[in-house]
N, C-alpha and C. Protein backbone atom coordinates (compact mmCIF):
# COMPACT_ATOMS: atom_id res chain seq x y z
N MET A 1 83.51 153.49 101.65
CA MET A 1 84.69 153.94 102.38
C MET A 1 84.57 155.45 102.54
N ASP A 2 84.62 155.91 103.77
CA ASP A 2 84.44 157.35 104.06
C ASP A 2 83.13 157.87 103.48
N GLY A 3 82.10 157.01 103.46
CA GLY A 3 80.79 157.41 102.97
C GLY A 3 80.62 157.38 101.47
N ASP A 4 81.66 156.97 100.73
CA ASP A 4 81.60 156.91 99.27
C ASP A 4 81.86 155.49 98.78
N TRP A 5 81.31 155.20 97.60
CA TRP A 5 81.60 153.94 96.93
C TRP A 5 82.97 154.06 96.28
N ARG A 6 83.73 152.98 96.28
CA ARG A 6 85.04 152.94 95.63
C ARG A 6 85.10 151.72 94.72
N PRO A 7 85.71 151.84 93.57
CA PRO A 7 85.85 150.66 92.71
C PRO A 7 86.83 149.67 93.31
N VAL A 8 86.52 148.41 93.19
CA VAL A 8 87.41 147.34 93.64
C VAL A 8 87.95 146.63 92.39
N VAL A 9 87.04 146.17 91.55
CA VAL A 9 87.40 145.62 90.23
C VAL A 9 86.35 146.11 89.24
N ARG A 10 86.71 146.08 87.98
CA ARG A 10 85.78 146.52 86.95
C ARG A 10 85.96 145.67 85.70
N TYR A 11 84.85 145.21 85.16
CA TYR A 11 84.82 144.48 83.90
C TYR A 11 84.29 145.45 82.86
N ASP A 12 84.94 145.55 81.72
CA ASP A 12 84.43 146.51 80.75
C ASP A 12 84.46 145.98 79.33
N HIS A 13 83.50 146.48 78.57
CA HIS A 13 83.38 146.18 77.14
C HIS A 13 82.69 147.38 76.51
N ASP A 14 83.41 148.12 75.72
CA ASP A 14 82.84 149.24 74.98
C ASP A 14 83.74 149.49 73.78
N ARG A 15 83.52 148.72 72.75
CA ARG A 15 84.42 148.79 71.60
C ARG A 15 84.39 150.13 70.88
N ASP A 16 83.35 150.93 71.08
CA ASP A 16 83.25 152.20 70.38
C ASP A 16 83.86 153.37 71.15
N ALA A 17 84.19 153.17 72.42
CA ALA A 17 84.75 154.25 73.23
C ALA A 17 86.25 154.40 72.95
N GLU A 18 86.74 155.62 73.06
CA GLU A 18 88.17 155.85 72.93
C GLU A 18 88.87 155.08 74.05
N GLY A 19 89.81 154.24 73.69
CA GLY A 19 90.49 153.41 74.68
C GLY A 19 89.65 152.25 75.18
N GLY A 20 88.49 152.03 74.55
CA GLY A 20 87.58 150.97 74.97
C GLY A 20 88.10 149.60 74.60
N HIS A 21 87.42 148.60 75.09
CA HIS A 21 87.82 147.21 74.87
C HIS A 21 86.70 146.45 74.17
N ASP A 22 87.10 145.50 73.37
CA ASP A 22 86.15 144.64 72.67
C ASP A 22 86.42 143.20 73.11
N ILE A 23 85.56 142.68 73.98
CA ILE A 23 85.80 141.34 74.52
C ILE A 23 85.68 140.25 73.46
N THR A 24 85.07 140.57 72.32
CA THR A 24 84.99 139.58 71.25
C THR A 24 86.35 139.37 70.59
N ASP A 25 87.26 140.34 70.72
CA ASP A 25 88.63 140.23 70.19
C ASP A 25 89.65 140.00 71.30
N GLU A 26 89.55 140.80 72.37
CA GLU A 26 90.57 140.81 73.42
C GLU A 26 90.30 139.83 74.54
N GLY A 27 89.07 139.41 74.69
CA GLY A 27 88.69 138.57 75.81
C GLY A 27 88.24 139.44 76.98
N LEU A 28 87.65 138.80 77.97
CA LEU A 28 87.16 139.48 79.15
C LEU A 28 88.30 139.63 80.15
N HIS A 29 88.44 140.81 80.71
CA HIS A 29 89.46 141.06 81.72
C HIS A 29 88.87 141.94 82.81
N ILE A 30 89.59 142.04 83.92
CA ILE A 30 89.17 142.95 84.99
C ILE A 30 90.26 143.98 85.20
N ASP A 31 89.81 145.19 85.47
CA ASP A 31 90.71 146.24 85.93
C ASP A 31 90.66 146.19 87.45
N ILE A 32 91.82 146.20 88.09
CA ILE A 32 91.92 146.12 89.54
C ILE A 32 92.30 147.50 90.06
N TYR A 33 91.55 147.97 91.07
CA TYR A 33 91.73 149.33 91.59
C TYR A 33 92.28 149.34 93.00
N ARG A 34 93.14 150.33 93.23
CA ARG A 34 93.67 150.62 94.56
C ARG A 34 93.73 152.14 94.70
N ASP A 35 93.20 152.65 95.78
CA ASP A 35 93.17 154.10 96.01
C ASP A 35 92.52 154.85 94.86
N GLY A 36 91.49 154.23 94.26
CA GLY A 36 90.76 154.88 93.17
C GLY A 36 91.45 154.86 91.83
N GLU A 37 92.62 154.23 91.74
CA GLU A 37 93.38 154.18 90.49
C GLU A 37 93.51 152.74 90.01
N LYS A 38 93.44 152.55 88.71
CA LYS A 38 93.65 151.21 88.15
C LYS A 38 95.12 150.85 88.33
N VAL A 39 95.38 149.71 88.97
CA VAL A 39 96.76 149.29 89.23
C VAL A 39 97.15 148.03 88.47
N ASP A 40 96.18 147.30 87.96
CA ASP A 40 96.51 146.06 87.26
C ASP A 40 95.34 145.65 86.39
N VAL A 41 95.62 144.79 85.44
CA VAL A 41 94.60 144.20 84.56
C VAL A 41 94.87 142.71 84.52
N LYS A 42 93.83 141.91 84.74
CA LYS A 42 93.96 140.46 84.71
C LYS A 42 92.97 139.87 83.73
N ASP A 43 93.43 138.91 82.94
CA ASP A 43 92.55 138.20 82.02
C ASP A 43 91.62 137.29 82.82
N VAL A 44 90.35 137.25 82.41
CA VAL A 44 89.36 136.40 83.07
C VAL A 44 88.95 135.26 82.15
N TYR A 45 88.70 135.58 80.90
CA TYR A 45 88.17 134.59 79.96
C TYR A 45 88.57 135.02 78.56
N GLY A 46 88.87 134.05 77.70
CA GLY A 46 89.26 134.35 76.33
C GLY A 46 88.18 135.08 75.55
N PRO A 47 88.44 135.39 74.31
CA PRO A 47 87.44 136.08 73.50
C PRO A 47 86.08 135.40 73.61
N VAL A 48 85.06 136.20 73.79
CA VAL A 48 83.71 135.69 74.04
C VAL A 48 82.71 136.64 73.38
N PRO A 49 81.60 136.11 72.85
CA PRO A 49 80.57 137.00 72.32
C PRO A 49 80.11 138.00 73.39
N ALA A 50 79.86 139.21 72.99
CA ALA A 50 79.48 140.26 73.93
C ALA A 50 78.27 139.85 74.77
N ALA A 51 77.33 139.14 74.17
CA ALA A 51 76.13 138.73 74.90
C ALA A 51 76.44 137.77 76.05
N GLU A 52 77.60 137.11 76.01
CA GLU A 52 77.97 136.17 77.07
C GLU A 52 78.91 136.80 78.10
N GLY A 53 79.44 137.98 77.80
CA GLY A 53 80.41 138.62 78.67
C GLY A 53 79.90 138.86 80.07
N PHE A 54 78.66 139.32 80.20
CA PHE A 54 78.08 139.60 81.51
C PHE A 54 78.02 138.33 82.35
N ASP A 55 77.64 137.22 81.74
CA ASP A 55 77.57 135.96 82.47
C ASP A 55 78.94 135.54 83.00
N HIS A 56 79.97 135.68 82.17
CA HIS A 56 81.32 135.32 82.59
C HIS A 56 81.83 136.26 83.69
N ALA A 57 81.51 137.53 83.57
CA ALA A 57 81.89 138.49 84.62
C ALA A 57 81.20 138.14 85.94
N GLU A 58 79.92 137.82 85.89
CA GLU A 58 79.20 137.42 87.11
C GLU A 58 79.80 136.16 87.72
N ASP A 59 80.14 135.19 86.87
CA ASP A 59 80.75 133.95 87.37
C ASP A 59 82.07 134.24 88.07
N ASP A 60 82.90 135.08 87.45
CA ASP A 60 84.18 135.42 88.05
C ASP A 60 83.99 136.14 89.38
N LEU A 61 83.07 137.07 89.40
CA LEU A 61 82.82 137.81 90.63
C LEU A 61 82.28 136.90 91.72
N ARG A 62 81.36 136.03 91.37
CA ARG A 62 80.79 135.09 92.34
C ARG A 62 81.89 134.20 92.94
N GLU A 63 82.81 133.74 92.10
CA GLU A 63 83.87 132.83 92.56
C GLU A 63 84.97 133.55 93.34
N ASN A 64 85.19 134.84 93.08
CA ASN A 64 86.36 135.53 93.64
C ASN A 64 86.05 136.74 94.49
N VAL A 65 84.78 137.03 94.76
CA VAL A 65 84.41 138.26 95.44
C VAL A 65 85.10 138.40 96.81
N GLN A 66 85.17 137.33 97.56
CA GLN A 66 85.80 137.43 98.88
C GLN A 66 87.28 137.77 98.76
N ARG A 67 87.95 137.19 97.80
CA ARG A 67 89.38 137.50 97.58
C ARG A 67 89.56 138.96 97.19
N TYR A 68 88.70 139.45 96.30
CA TYR A 68 88.79 140.86 95.88
C TYR A 68 88.53 141.80 97.05
N ILE A 69 87.55 141.48 97.87
CA ILE A 69 87.23 142.32 99.03
C ILE A 69 88.37 142.29 100.04
N LYS A 70 88.89 141.12 100.34
CA LYS A 70 89.99 141.01 101.31
C LYS A 70 91.20 141.81 100.86
N ARG A 71 91.52 141.72 99.57
CA ARG A 71 92.67 142.48 99.05
C ARG A 71 92.41 143.98 99.20
N PHE A 72 91.22 144.44 98.86
CA PHE A 72 90.87 145.85 99.00
C PHE A 72 90.99 146.29 100.46
N GLU A 73 90.48 145.48 101.37
CA GLU A 73 90.56 145.81 102.79
C GLU A 73 92.02 145.86 103.26
N ARG A 74 92.82 144.93 102.81
CA ARG A 74 94.24 144.92 103.19
C ARG A 74 94.95 146.16 102.64
N TRP A 75 94.72 146.49 101.38
CA TRP A 75 95.36 147.64 100.77
C TRP A 75 94.98 148.95 101.45
N HIS A 76 93.75 149.02 101.97
CA HIS A 76 93.25 150.27 102.55
C HIS A 76 93.19 150.22 104.07
N ASP A 77 93.82 149.20 104.64
CA ASP A 77 93.90 149.05 106.10
C ASP A 77 92.52 149.10 106.75
N ILE A 78 91.60 148.32 106.18
CA ILE A 78 90.23 148.21 106.70
C ILE A 78 90.15 146.88 107.44
N ARG A 79 89.61 146.91 108.64
CA ARG A 79 89.51 145.70 109.44
C ARG A 79 88.06 145.27 109.58
N ASN A 80 87.70 144.18 108.91
CA ASN A 80 86.35 143.60 109.00
C ASN A 80 85.24 144.60 108.72
N GLY A 81 85.47 145.55 107.86
CA GLY A 81 84.45 146.51 107.50
C GLY A 81 84.20 147.58 108.55
N SER A 82 84.88 147.49 109.69
CA SER A 82 84.61 148.44 110.78
C SER A 82 85.17 149.84 110.49
N ASP A 83 86.06 149.96 109.52
CA ASP A 83 86.65 151.26 109.19
C ASP A 83 85.95 151.94 108.01
N LEU A 84 84.84 151.37 107.57
CA LEU A 84 84.14 151.93 106.40
C LEU A 84 83.30 153.12 106.77
């Protein structure tokens, strides 16, 4: 968008970071972004071993990528990618 990458959704696991998340305790979730700011958090999968988190994140993204993209385009008034 405007020549820059923008976050749409983000899956994170970093139990050692300040404010970080541990998917082995909290479960896998996504941060949802609008205008470069996190606006919501949605649960994706219950507590899961860290080694499996990437697989679950990929599965969620594969199943929902079009919905995430459409929402981003709607929020930013982008029409079929022509405004990127």
